Amino acid sequence: METFLFYLCGGLMLGAAAMTVVSRSAVAAAVWLVFSFVCAAGIFALLAAPFLAILQILIYAGAIMVLFLFVIMMLQGPVLPAETARLVAWRKALLTLPAAAVAVILIGWAAQGREAAFGETPVTGTPAAVAELLLNRYLLAFELISIVLLVAIVGAVALGRRQEVQP
């Protein structure tokens, strides 16, 4: 059952990533990216790393995607009527796909017992191991990523500000 759930989460993650790339709406692409992050968290949970799964949800699907959505909403132009008409036909199918994925994961988790999906936490999934990697081995990459995110925030604010009209 774990193999089935692994391939299901992997397939859903690949599908969501493809929808992120081909979506014409930036908001829809961001929502598909959030769904892809949730599927990645499901894979972490199946690989017996619940701390990494929770970090994936909190940091990527939560904080960073909220930031992206605020930037998208600030910079988004008008929506064309043809785009909204095209999305209405797919809305029901797109809403049932994430719900079905969550239902399958919960059914598999309940069928094997509550401990089976997570099992023993390996060394790589503990908070101490993650802190050890981020603050020792990958400290430079961790700091560079924080600088890139800071530059992106400043750039988004600069682009989002309205130009003052000079008389």
N, C-alpha and C. Protein backbone atom coordinates (compact mmCIF):
# COMPACT_ATOMS: atom_id res chain seq x y z
N MET A 1 0.82 -1.20 0.00
CA MET A 1 0.00 0.00 0.00
C MET A 1 0.87 1.26 0.00
N GLU A 2 2.01 1.21 0.73
CA GLU A 2 2.89 2.37 0.76
C GLU A 2 3.48 2.66 -0.61
N THR A 3 3.78 1.60 -1.37
CA THR A 3 4.30 1.79 -2.72
C THR A 3 3.26 2.47 -3.59
N PHE A 4 2.01 2.04 -3.48
CA PHE A 4 0.92 2.66 -4.25
C PHE A 4 0.78 4.13 -3.89
N LEU A 5 0.80 4.43 -2.59
CA LEU A 5 0.67 5.83 -2.15
C LEU A 5 1.86 6.68 -2.60
N PHE A 6 3.06 6.08 -2.60
CA PHE A 6 4.24 6.79 -3.07
C PHE A 6 4.10 7.17 -4.54
N TYR A 7 3.71 6.19 -5.36
CA TYR A 7 3.54 6.48 -6.78
C TYR A 7 2.37 7.41 -7.04
N LEU A 8 1.31 7.31 -6.24
CA LEU A 8 0.18 8.21 -6.39
C LEU A 8 0.60 9.65 -6.07
N CYS A 9 1.29 9.84 -4.94
CA CYS A 9 1.75 11.20 -4.59
C CYS A 9 2.74 11.71 -5.63
N GLY A 10 3.63 10.85 -6.10
CA GLY A 10 4.60 11.26 -7.12
C GLY A 10 3.92 11.65 -8.43
N GLY A 11 2.93 10.84 -8.84
CA GLY A 11 2.20 11.15 -10.06
C GLY A 11 1.40 12.44 -9.94
N LEU A 12 0.74 12.61 -8.80
CA LEU A 12 -0.02 13.84 -8.58
C LEU A 12 0.91 15.05 -8.52
N MET A 13 2.09 14.87 -7.94
CA MET A 13 3.04 15.97 -7.87
C MET A 13 3.53 16.34 -9.27
N LEU A 14 3.82 15.35 -10.10
CA LEU A 14 4.24 15.65 -11.47
C LEU A 14 3.12 16.31 -12.27
N GLY A 15 1.89 15.83 -12.08
CA GLY A 15 0.75 16.45 -12.76
C GLY A 15 0.53 17.89 -12.32
N ALA A 16 0.66 18.13 -11.02
CA ALA A 16 0.49 19.49 -10.51
C ALA A 16 1.61 20.40 -11.00
N ALA A 17 2.83 19.87 -11.09
CA ALA A 17 3.94 20.67 -11.60
C ALA A 17 3.73 21.01 -13.07
N ALA A 18 3.21 20.04 -13.84
CA ALA A 18 2.91 20.32 -15.25
C ALA A 18 1.81 21.38 -15.38
N MET A 19 0.79 21.29 -14.53
CA MET A 19 -0.27 22.29 -14.57
C MET A 19 0.24 23.66 -14.14
N THR A 20 1.23 23.68 -13.25
CA THR A 20 1.85 24.96 -12.86
C THR A 20 2.50 25.62 -14.06
N VAL A 21 3.16 24.83 -14.88
CA VAL A 21 3.87 25.38 -16.02
C VAL A 21 2.92 25.81 -17.13
N VAL A 22 1.86 25.06 -17.37
CA VAL A 22 0.98 25.36 -18.51
C VAL A 22 -0.19 26.27 -18.17
N SER A 23 -0.38 26.61 -16.91
CA SER A 23 -1.51 27.47 -16.53
C SER A 23 -1.28 28.88 -17.07
N ARG A 24 -2.34 29.44 -17.63
CA ARG A 24 -2.25 30.80 -18.15
C ARG A 24 -2.44 31.84 -17.05
N SER A 25 -3.13 31.48 -16.00
CA SER A 25 -3.35 32.39 -14.88
C SER A 25 -2.26 32.18 -13.84
N ALA A 26 -1.69 33.28 -13.36
CA ALA A 26 -0.63 33.18 -12.36
C ALA A 26 -1.18 32.66 -11.03
N VAL A 27 -2.41 33.02 -10.70
CA VAL A 27 -3.00 32.55 -9.45
C VAL A 27 -3.24 31.04 -9.52
N ALA A 28 -3.76 30.58 -10.64
CA ALA A 28 -3.98 29.13 -10.80
C ALA A 28 -2.66 28.38 -10.76
N ALA A 29 -1.62 28.94 -11.36
CA ALA A 29 -0.30 28.29 -11.32
C ALA A 29 0.22 28.21 -9.88
N ALA A 30 -0.01 29.26 -9.10
CA ALA A 30 0.43 29.24 -7.70
C ALA A 30 -0.34 28.20 -6.89
N VAL A 31 -1.62 28.05 -7.16
CA VAL A 31 -2.42 27.05 -6.45
C VAL A 31 -1.94 25.64 -6.82
N TRP A 32 -1.64 25.41 -8.09
CA TRP A 32 -1.11 24.11 -8.50
C TRP A 32 0.25 23.85 -7.86
N LEU A 33 1.05 24.89 -7.70
CA LEU A 33 2.34 24.73 -7.04
C LEU A 33 2.17 24.36 -5.57
N VAL A 34 1.17 24.95 -4.92
CA VAL A 34 0.87 24.58 -3.52
C VAL A 34 0.48 23.11 -3.45
N PHE A 35 -0.34 22.65 -4.38
CA PHE A 35 -0.74 21.24 -4.40
C PHE A 35 0.47 20.34 -4.63
N SER A 36 1.40 20.78 -5.48
CA SER A 36 2.63 20.02 -5.70
C SER A 36 3.45 19.93 -4.42
N PHE A 37 3.51 21.03 -3.65
CA PHE A 37 4.23 21.02 -2.39
C PHE A 37 3.57 20.08 -1.38
N VAL A 38 2.25 20.03 -1.37
CA VAL A 38 1.54 19.13 -0.45
C VAL A 38 1.82 17.67 -0.83
N CYS A 39 1.88 17.38 -2.12
CA CYS A 39 2.21 16.01 -2.54
C CYS A 39 3.64 15.66 -2.15
N ALA A 40 4.56 16.62 -2.23
CA ALA A 40 5.94 16.37 -1.79
C ALA A 40 5.97 16.09 -0.29
N ALA A 41 5.14 16.79 0.47
CA ALA A 41 5.06 16.52 1.91
C ALA A 41 4.51 15.12 2.15
N GLY A 42 3.57 14.68 1.33
CA GLY A 42 3.06 13.31 1.45
C GLY A 42 4.15 12.28 1.20
N ILE A 43 5.03 12.56 0.24
CA ILE A 43 6.15 11.64 -0.03
C ILE A 43 7.11 11.62 1.16
N PHE A 44 7.37 12.79 1.74
CA PHE A 44 8.23 12.81 2.94
C PHE A 44 7.60 11.99 4.06
N ALA A 45 6.29 12.11 4.24
CA ALA A 45 5.62 11.35 5.29
C ALA A 45 5.70 9.86 5.02
N LEU A 46 5.55 9.45 3.77
CA LEU A 46 5.65 8.03 3.43
C LEU A 46 7.07 7.50 3.61
N LEU A 47 8.05 8.37 3.49
CA LEU A 47 9.44 7.96 3.66
C LEU A 47 9.90 8.05 5.11
N ALA A 48 8.94 8.14 6.02
CA ALA A 48 9.19 8.15 7.47
C ALA A 48 9.99 9.37 7.91
N ALA A 49 9.64 10.52 7.36
CA ALA A 49 10.26 11.78 7.77
C ALA A 49 9.16 12.80 8.05
N PRO A 50 8.42 12.64 9.15
CA PRO A 50 7.29 13.53 9.40
C PRO A 50 7.70 14.98 9.66
N PHE A 51 8.89 15.18 10.24
CA PHE A 51 9.34 16.55 10.49
C PHE A 51 9.56 17.29 9.18
N LEU A 52 10.16 16.62 8.20
CA LEU A 52 10.36 17.23 6.89
C LEU A 52 9.03 17.48 6.19
N ALA A 53 8.07 16.59 6.38
CA ALA A 53 6.74 16.79 5.79
C ALA A 53 6.07 18.03 6.39
N ILE A 54 6.18 18.19 7.69
CA ILE A 54 5.58 19.36 8.34
C ILE A 54 6.30 20.63 7.92
N LEU A 55 7.63 20.58 7.82
CA LEU A 55 8.37 21.74 7.34
C LEU A 55 7.96 22.10 5.91
N GLN A 56 7.77 21.11 5.08
CA GLN A 56 7.35 21.35 3.69
C GLN A 56 6.02 22.10 3.65
N ILE A 57 5.08 21.67 4.49
CA ILE A 57 3.76 22.33 4.52
C ILE A 57 3.87 23.73 5.09
N LEU A 58 4.53 23.87 6.23
CA LEU A 58 4.59 25.17 6.90
C LEU A 58 5.38 26.21 6.10
N ILE A 59 6.55 25.82 5.63
CA ILE A 59 7.42 26.81 5.00
C ILE A 59 7.04 27.04 3.54
N TYR A 60 6.98 25.99 2.75
CA TYR A 60 6.75 26.19 1.32
C TYR A 60 5.28 26.43 0.99
N ALA A 61 4.43 25.50 1.38
CA ALA A 61 3.02 25.64 1.03
C ALA A 61 2.36 26.75 1.84
N GLY A 62 2.91 27.07 2.98
CA GLY A 62 2.33 28.12 3.81
C GLY A 62 2.94 29.47 3.55
N ALA A 63 4.09 29.72 4.14
CA ALA A 63 4.67 31.06 4.17
C ALA A 63 5.10 31.57 2.80
N ILE A 64 5.88 30.80 2.07
CA ILE A 64 6.42 31.29 0.80
C ILE A 64 5.32 31.44 -0.24
N MET A 65 4.38 30.51 -0.29
CA MET A 65 3.32 30.64 -1.29
C MET A 65 2.36 31.77 -0.95
N VAL A 66 2.17 32.08 0.32
CA VAL A 66 1.36 33.25 0.67
C VAL A 66 2.06 34.51 0.15
N LEU A 67 3.37 34.58 0.32
CA LEU A 67 4.14 35.70 -0.22
C LEU A 67 3.98 35.78 -1.74
N PHE A 68 4.13 34.67 -2.43
CA PHE A 68 3.96 34.66 -3.89
C PHE A 68 2.56 35.12 -4.28
N LEU A 69 1.55 34.63 -3.58
CA LEU A 69 0.18 35.02 -3.93
C LEU A 69 -0.05 36.51 -3.71
N PHE A 70 0.52 37.08 -2.65
CA PHE A 70 0.38 38.53 -2.45
C PHE A 70 1.04 39.29 -3.60
N VAL A 71 2.22 38.86 -4.03
CA VAL A 71 2.90 39.52 -5.13
C VAL A 71 2.09 39.37 -6.42
N ILE A 72 1.56 38.20 -6.67
CA ILE A 72 0.76 37.98 -7.87
C ILE A 72 -0.48 38.86 -7.84
N MET A 73 -1.14 38.93 -6.70
CA MET A 73 -2.34 39.76 -6.60
C MET A 73 -2.01 41.24 -6.79
N MET A 74 -0.85 41.67 -6.31
CA MET A 74 -0.47 43.07 -6.48
C MET A 74 -0.17 43.41 -7.94
N LEU A 75 0.41 42.48 -8.67
CA LEU A 75 0.86 42.75 -10.03
C LEU A 75 -0.08 42.26 -11.11
N GLN A 76 -1.12 41.52 -10.75
CA GLN A 76 -2.01 40.91 -11.75
C GLN A 76 -2.82 41.98 -12.48
N GLY A 77 -2.86 41.84 -13.78
CA GLY A 77 -3.66 42.75 -14.60
C GLY A 77 -5.09 42.24 -14.69
N PRO A 78 -5.87 42.83 -15.59
CA PRO A 78 -7.26 42.40 -15.74
C PRO A 78 -7.36 40.99 -16.33
N VAL A 79 -8.39 40.25 -15.92
CA VAL A 79 -8.62 38.90 -16.42
C VAL A 79 -9.55 38.99 -17.63
N LEU A 80 -9.15 38.35 -18.70
CA LEU A 80 -9.95 38.38 -19.92
C LEU A 80 -11.17 37.47 -19.79
N PRO A 81 -12.31 37.83 -20.40
CA PRO A 81 -13.51 36.99 -20.30
C PRO A 81 -13.31 35.59 -20.89
N ALA A 82 -12.49 35.46 -21.92
CA ALA A 82 -12.26 34.15 -22.52
C ALA A 82 -11.57 33.21 -21.55
N GLU A 83 -10.69 33.74 -20.70
CA GLU A 83 -9.99 32.89 -19.73
C GLU A 83 -10.94 32.37 -18.67
N THR A 84 -11.85 33.21 -18.18
CA THR A 84 -12.78 32.75 -17.15
C THR A 84 -13.78 31.75 -17.71
N ALA A 85 -14.21 31.93 -18.95
CA ALA A 85 -15.16 30.98 -19.56
C ALA A 85 -14.51 29.62 -19.74
N ARG A 86 -13.23 29.60 -20.07
CA ARG A 86 -12.53 28.34 -20.29
C ARG A 86 -12.32 27.59 -18.98
N LEU A 87 -12.10 28.32 -17.88
CA LEU A 87 -11.85 27.68 -16.59
C LEU A 87 -13.10 27.10 -15.95
N VAL A 88 -14.29 27.60 -16.31
CA VAL A 88 -15.52 27.12 -15.69
C VAL A 88 -15.75 25.64 -15.99
N ALA A 89 -15.41 25.21 -17.18
CA ALA A 89 -15.63 23.81 -17.56
C ALA A 89 -14.75 22.86 -16.76
N TRP A 90 -13.56 23.28 -16.39
CA TRP A 90 -12.63 22.42 -15.69
C TRP A 90 -12.70 22.53 -14.18
N ARG A 91 -13.49 23.45 -13.68
CA ARG A 91 -13.48 23.74 -12.24
C ARG A 91 -13.86 22.53 -11.38
N LYS A 92 -14.92 21.82 -11.74
CA LYS A 92 -15.34 20.67 -10.92
C LYS A 92 -14.29 19.56 -10.92
N ALA A 93 -13.73 19.30 -12.08
CA ALA A 93 -12.71 18.25 -12.15
C ALA A 93 -11.47 18.63 -11.36
N LEU A 94 -11.08 19.88 -11.43
CA LEU A 94 -9.88 20.33 -10.72
C LEU A 94 -10.09 20.37 -9.21
N LEU A 95 -11.32 20.58 -8.78
CA LEU A 95 -11.60 20.60 -7.35
C LEU A 95 -11.67 19.19 -6.76
N THR A 96 -12.08 18.22 -7.55
CA THR A 96 -12.18 16.86 -7.03
C THR A 96 -10.84 16.14 -6.98
N LEU A 97 -9.88 16.53 -7.81
CA LEU A 97 -8.59 15.85 -7.85
C LEU A 97 -7.84 15.94 -6.52
N PRO A 98 -7.63 17.13 -5.93
CA PRO A 98 -6.94 17.16 -4.63
C PRO A 98 -7.73 16.46 -3.53
N ALA A 99 -9.05 16.59 -3.54
CA ALA A 99 -9.86 15.92 -2.52
C ALA A 99 -9.73 14.40 -2.64
N ALA A 100 -9.71 13.89 -3.85
CA ALA A 100 -9.56 12.45 -4.05
C ALA A 100 -8.17 11.98 -3.59
N ALA A 101 -7.15 12.78 -3.84
CA ALA A 101 -5.80 12.41 -3.41
C ALA A 101 -5.71 12.35 -1.89
N VAL A 102 -6.27 13.32 -1.22
CA VAL A 102 -6.26 13.33 0.24
C VAL A 102 -7.05 12.14 0.78
N ALA A 103 -8.19 11.83 0.15
CA ALA A 103 -9.00 10.69 0.60
C ALA A 103 -8.24 9.38 0.45
N VAL A 104 -7.54 9.19 -0.65
CA VAL A 104 -6.78 7.95 -0.86
C VAL A 104 -5.67 7.83 0.18
N ILE A 105 -4.99 8.94 0.46
CA ILE A 105 -3.91 8.91 1.46
C ILE A 105 -4.46 8.58 2.84
N LEU A 106 -5.58 9.20 3.21
CA LEU A 106 -6.17 8.92 4.52
C LEU A 106 -6.69 7.50 4.63
N ILE A 107 -7.27 6.97 3.56
CA ILE A 107 -7.75 5.58 3.58
C ILE A 107 -6.57 4.62 3.73
N GLY A 108 -5.48 4.88 3.01
CA GLY A 108 -4.30 4.03 3.14
C GLY A 108 -3.68 4.12 4.52
N TRP A 109 -3.70 5.31 5.11
CA TRP A 109 -3.16 5.49 6.45
C TRP A 109 -4.01 4.76 7.47
N ALA A 110 -5.33 4.83 7.32
CA ALA A 110 -6.22 4.15 8.25
C ALA A 110 -6.19 2.63 8.08
N ALA A 111 -5.99 2.16 6.86
CA ALA A 111 -5.99 0.71 6.61
C ALA A 111 -4.77 0.03 7.22
N GLN A 112 -3.66 0.73 7.30
CA GLN A 112 -2.45 0.12 7.83
C GLN A 112 -2.22 0.42 9.29
N GLY A 113 -3.07 1.16 9.89
CA GLY A 113 -2.86 1.57 11.27
C GLY A 113 -2.21 2.93 11.30
N ARG A 114 -2.41 3.63 12.35
CA ARG A 114 -1.97 5.03 12.41
C ARG A 114 -0.45 5.19 12.43
N GLU A 115 0.28 4.19 12.87
CA GLU A 115 1.73 4.30 12.94
C GLU A 115 2.41 3.87 11.65
N ALA A 116 1.70 3.14 10.78
CA ALA A 116 2.35 2.53 9.63
C ALA A 116 2.86 3.54 8.61
N ALA A 117 2.15 4.63 8.41
CA ALA A 117 2.57 5.58 7.39
C ALA A 117 3.84 6.32 7.79
N PHE A 118 4.03 6.55 9.09
CA PHE A 118 5.20 7.29 9.52
C PHE A 118 6.30 6.36 10.01
N GLY A 119 5.97 5.34 10.76
CA GLY A 119 6.97 4.40 11.25
C GLY A 119 8.00 5.06 12.14
N GLU A 120 9.17 4.48 12.20
CA GLU A 120 10.26 5.05 12.98
C GLU A 120 10.87 6.22 12.23
N THR A 121 11.15 7.27 12.93
CA THR A 121 11.74 8.44 12.31
C THR A 121 13.22 8.20 12.09
N PRO A 122 13.68 8.27 10.84
CA PRO A 122 15.11 8.06 10.60
C PRO A 122 15.91 9.27 11.06
N VAL A 123 17.21 9.12 11.04
CA VAL A 123 18.09 10.19 11.49
C VAL A 123 17.92 11.43 10.63
N THR A 124 17.66 11.27 9.33
CA THR A 124 17.57 12.42 8.44
C THR A 124 16.29 13.22 8.63
N GLY A 125 15.29 12.68 9.31
CA GLY A 125 14.03 13.38 9.45
C GLY A 125 13.83 14.06 10.79
N THR A 126 14.80 14.01 11.66
CA THR A 126 14.65 14.61 12.98
C THR A 126 15.00 16.10 12.93
N PRO A 127 14.43 16.88 13.85
CA PRO A 127 14.77 18.31 13.88
C PRO A 127 16.26 18.56 14.10
N ALA A 128 16.89 17.74 14.93
CA ALA A 128 18.32 17.93 15.18
C ALA A 128 19.15 17.67 13.93
N ALA A 129 18.77 16.67 13.15
CA ALA A 129 19.51 16.36 11.92
C ALA A 129 19.31 17.45 10.88
N VAL A 130 18.11 17.97 10.77
CA VAL A 130 17.85 19.06 9.83
C VAL A 130 18.62 20.31 10.24
N ALA A 131 18.61 20.63 11.52
CA ALA A 131 19.37 21.79 12.01
C ALA A 131 20.87 21.59 11.78
N GLU A 132 21.35 20.39 12.01
CA GLU A 132 22.77 20.09 11.79
C GLU A 132 23.15 20.33 10.33
N LEU A 133 22.31 19.87 9.40
CA LEU A 133 22.61 20.06 7.99
C LEU A 133 22.51 21.53 7.58
N LEU A 134 21.45 22.22 8.02
CA LEU A 134 21.26 23.61 7.60
C LEU A 134 22.27 24.56 8.21
N LEU A 135 22.66 24.33 9.43
CA LEU A 135 23.53 25.28 10.11
C LEU A 135 25.01 24.90 10.08
N ASN A 136 25.35 23.75 9.53
CA ASN A 136 26.76 23.36 9.42
C ASN A 136 27.14 23.09 7.97
N ARG A 137 26.62 22.01 7.42
CA ARG A 137 27.05 21.57 6.10
C ARG A 137 26.57 22.50 4.99
N TYR A 138 25.31 22.96 5.06
CA TYR A 138 24.73 23.77 4.00
C TYR A 138 24.48 25.21 4.45
N LEU A 139 25.31 25.73 5.33
CA LEU A 139 25.11 27.09 5.85
C LEU A 139 25.21 28.13 4.75
N LEU A 140 26.18 28.02 3.87
CA LEU A 140 26.34 29.00 2.79
C LEU A 140 25.12 28.99 1.87
N ALA A 141 24.66 27.82 1.47
CA ALA A 141 23.48 27.74 0.61
C ALA A 141 22.25 28.28 1.32
N PHE A 142 22.11 27.99 2.60
CA PHE A 142 20.98 28.47 3.40
C PHE A 142 20.97 29.99 3.44
N GLU A 143 22.12 30.60 3.67
CA GLU A 143 22.22 32.06 3.72
C GLU A 143 22.02 32.68 2.35
N LEU A 144 22.54 32.06 1.29
CA LEU A 144 22.34 32.59 -0.06
C LEU A 144 20.86 32.56 -0.46
N ILE A 145 20.17 31.51 -0.07
CA ILE A 145 18.74 31.43 -0.38
C ILE A 145 17.98 32.53 0.37
N SER A 146 18.37 32.80 1.61
CA SER A 146 17.69 33.87 2.35
C SER A 146 17.94 35.23 1.71
N ILE A 147 19.14 35.45 1.17
CA ILE A 147 19.44 36.71 0.48
C ILE A 147 18.64 36.81 -0.81
N VAL A 148 18.53 35.72 -1.55
CA VAL A 148 17.73 35.73 -2.79
C VAL A 148 16.26 36.03 -2.47
N LEU A 149 15.73 35.44 -1.42
CA LEU A 149 14.34 35.73 -1.04
C LEU A 149 14.17 37.18 -0.61
N LEU A 150 15.15 37.74 0.09
CA LEU A 150 15.08 39.14 0.48
C LEU A 150 15.10 40.06 -0.74
N VAL A 151 15.95 39.77 -1.70
CA VAL A 151 16.00 40.55 -2.94
C VAL A 151 14.68 40.43 -3.70
N ALA A 152 14.09 39.24 -3.70
CA ALA A 152 12.80 39.05 -4.38
C ALA A 152 11.70 39.86 -3.71
N ILE A 153 11.70 39.92 -2.40
CA ILE A 153 10.69 40.70 -1.68
C ILE A 153 10.85 42.19 -1.98
N VAL A 154 12.10 42.68 -1.95
CA VAL A 154 12.35 44.09 -2.25
C VAL A 154 11.95 44.40 -3.70
N GLY A 155 12.27 43.51 -4.62
CA GLY A 155 11.88 43.71 -6.01
C GLY A 155 10.37 43.71 -6.20
N ALA A 156 9.67 42.83 -5.48
CA ALA A 156 8.21 42.79 -5.59
C ALA A 156 7.59 44.06 -5.05
N VAL A 157 8.13 44.57 -3.95
CA VAL A 157 7.61 45.82 -3.39
C VAL A 157 7.90 46.98 -4.34
N ALA A 158 9.09 47.00 -4.94
CA ALA A 158 9.44 48.06 -5.89
C ALA A 158 8.55 48.02 -7.12
N LEU A 159 8.26 46.83 -7.63
CA LEU A 159 7.38 46.71 -8.79
C LEU A 159 5.93 47.03 -8.44
N GLY A 160 5.53 46.70 -7.23
CA GLY A 160 4.15 46.91 -6.83
C GLY A 160 3.80 48.34 -6.48
N ARG A 161 4.80 49.14 -6.16
CA ARG A 161 4.53 50.54 -5.83
C ARG A 161 4.06 51.28 -7.05
N ARG A 162 3.12 52.11 -6.85
CA ARG A 162 2.64 52.93 -7.96
C ARG A 162 3.56 54.13 -8.13
N GLN A 163 3.78 54.49 -9.37
CA GLN A 163 4.61 55.66 -9.65
C GLN A 163 3.82 56.92 -9.32
N GLU A 164 4.48 57.82 -8.61
CA GLU A 164 3.83 59.08 -8.31
C GLU A 164 3.85 59.97 -9.54
N VAL A 165 2.74 60.61 -9.81
CA VAL A 165 2.64 61.46 -10.99
C VAL A 165 3.32 62.79 -10.69
N GLN A 166 4.29 63.15 -11.52
CA GLN A 166 5.01 64.41 -11.37
C GLN A 166 4.28 65.50 -12.15
N PRO A 167 3.92 66.64 -11.51
CA PRO A 167 3.21 67.69 -12.25
C PRO A 167 4.11 68.44 -13.19
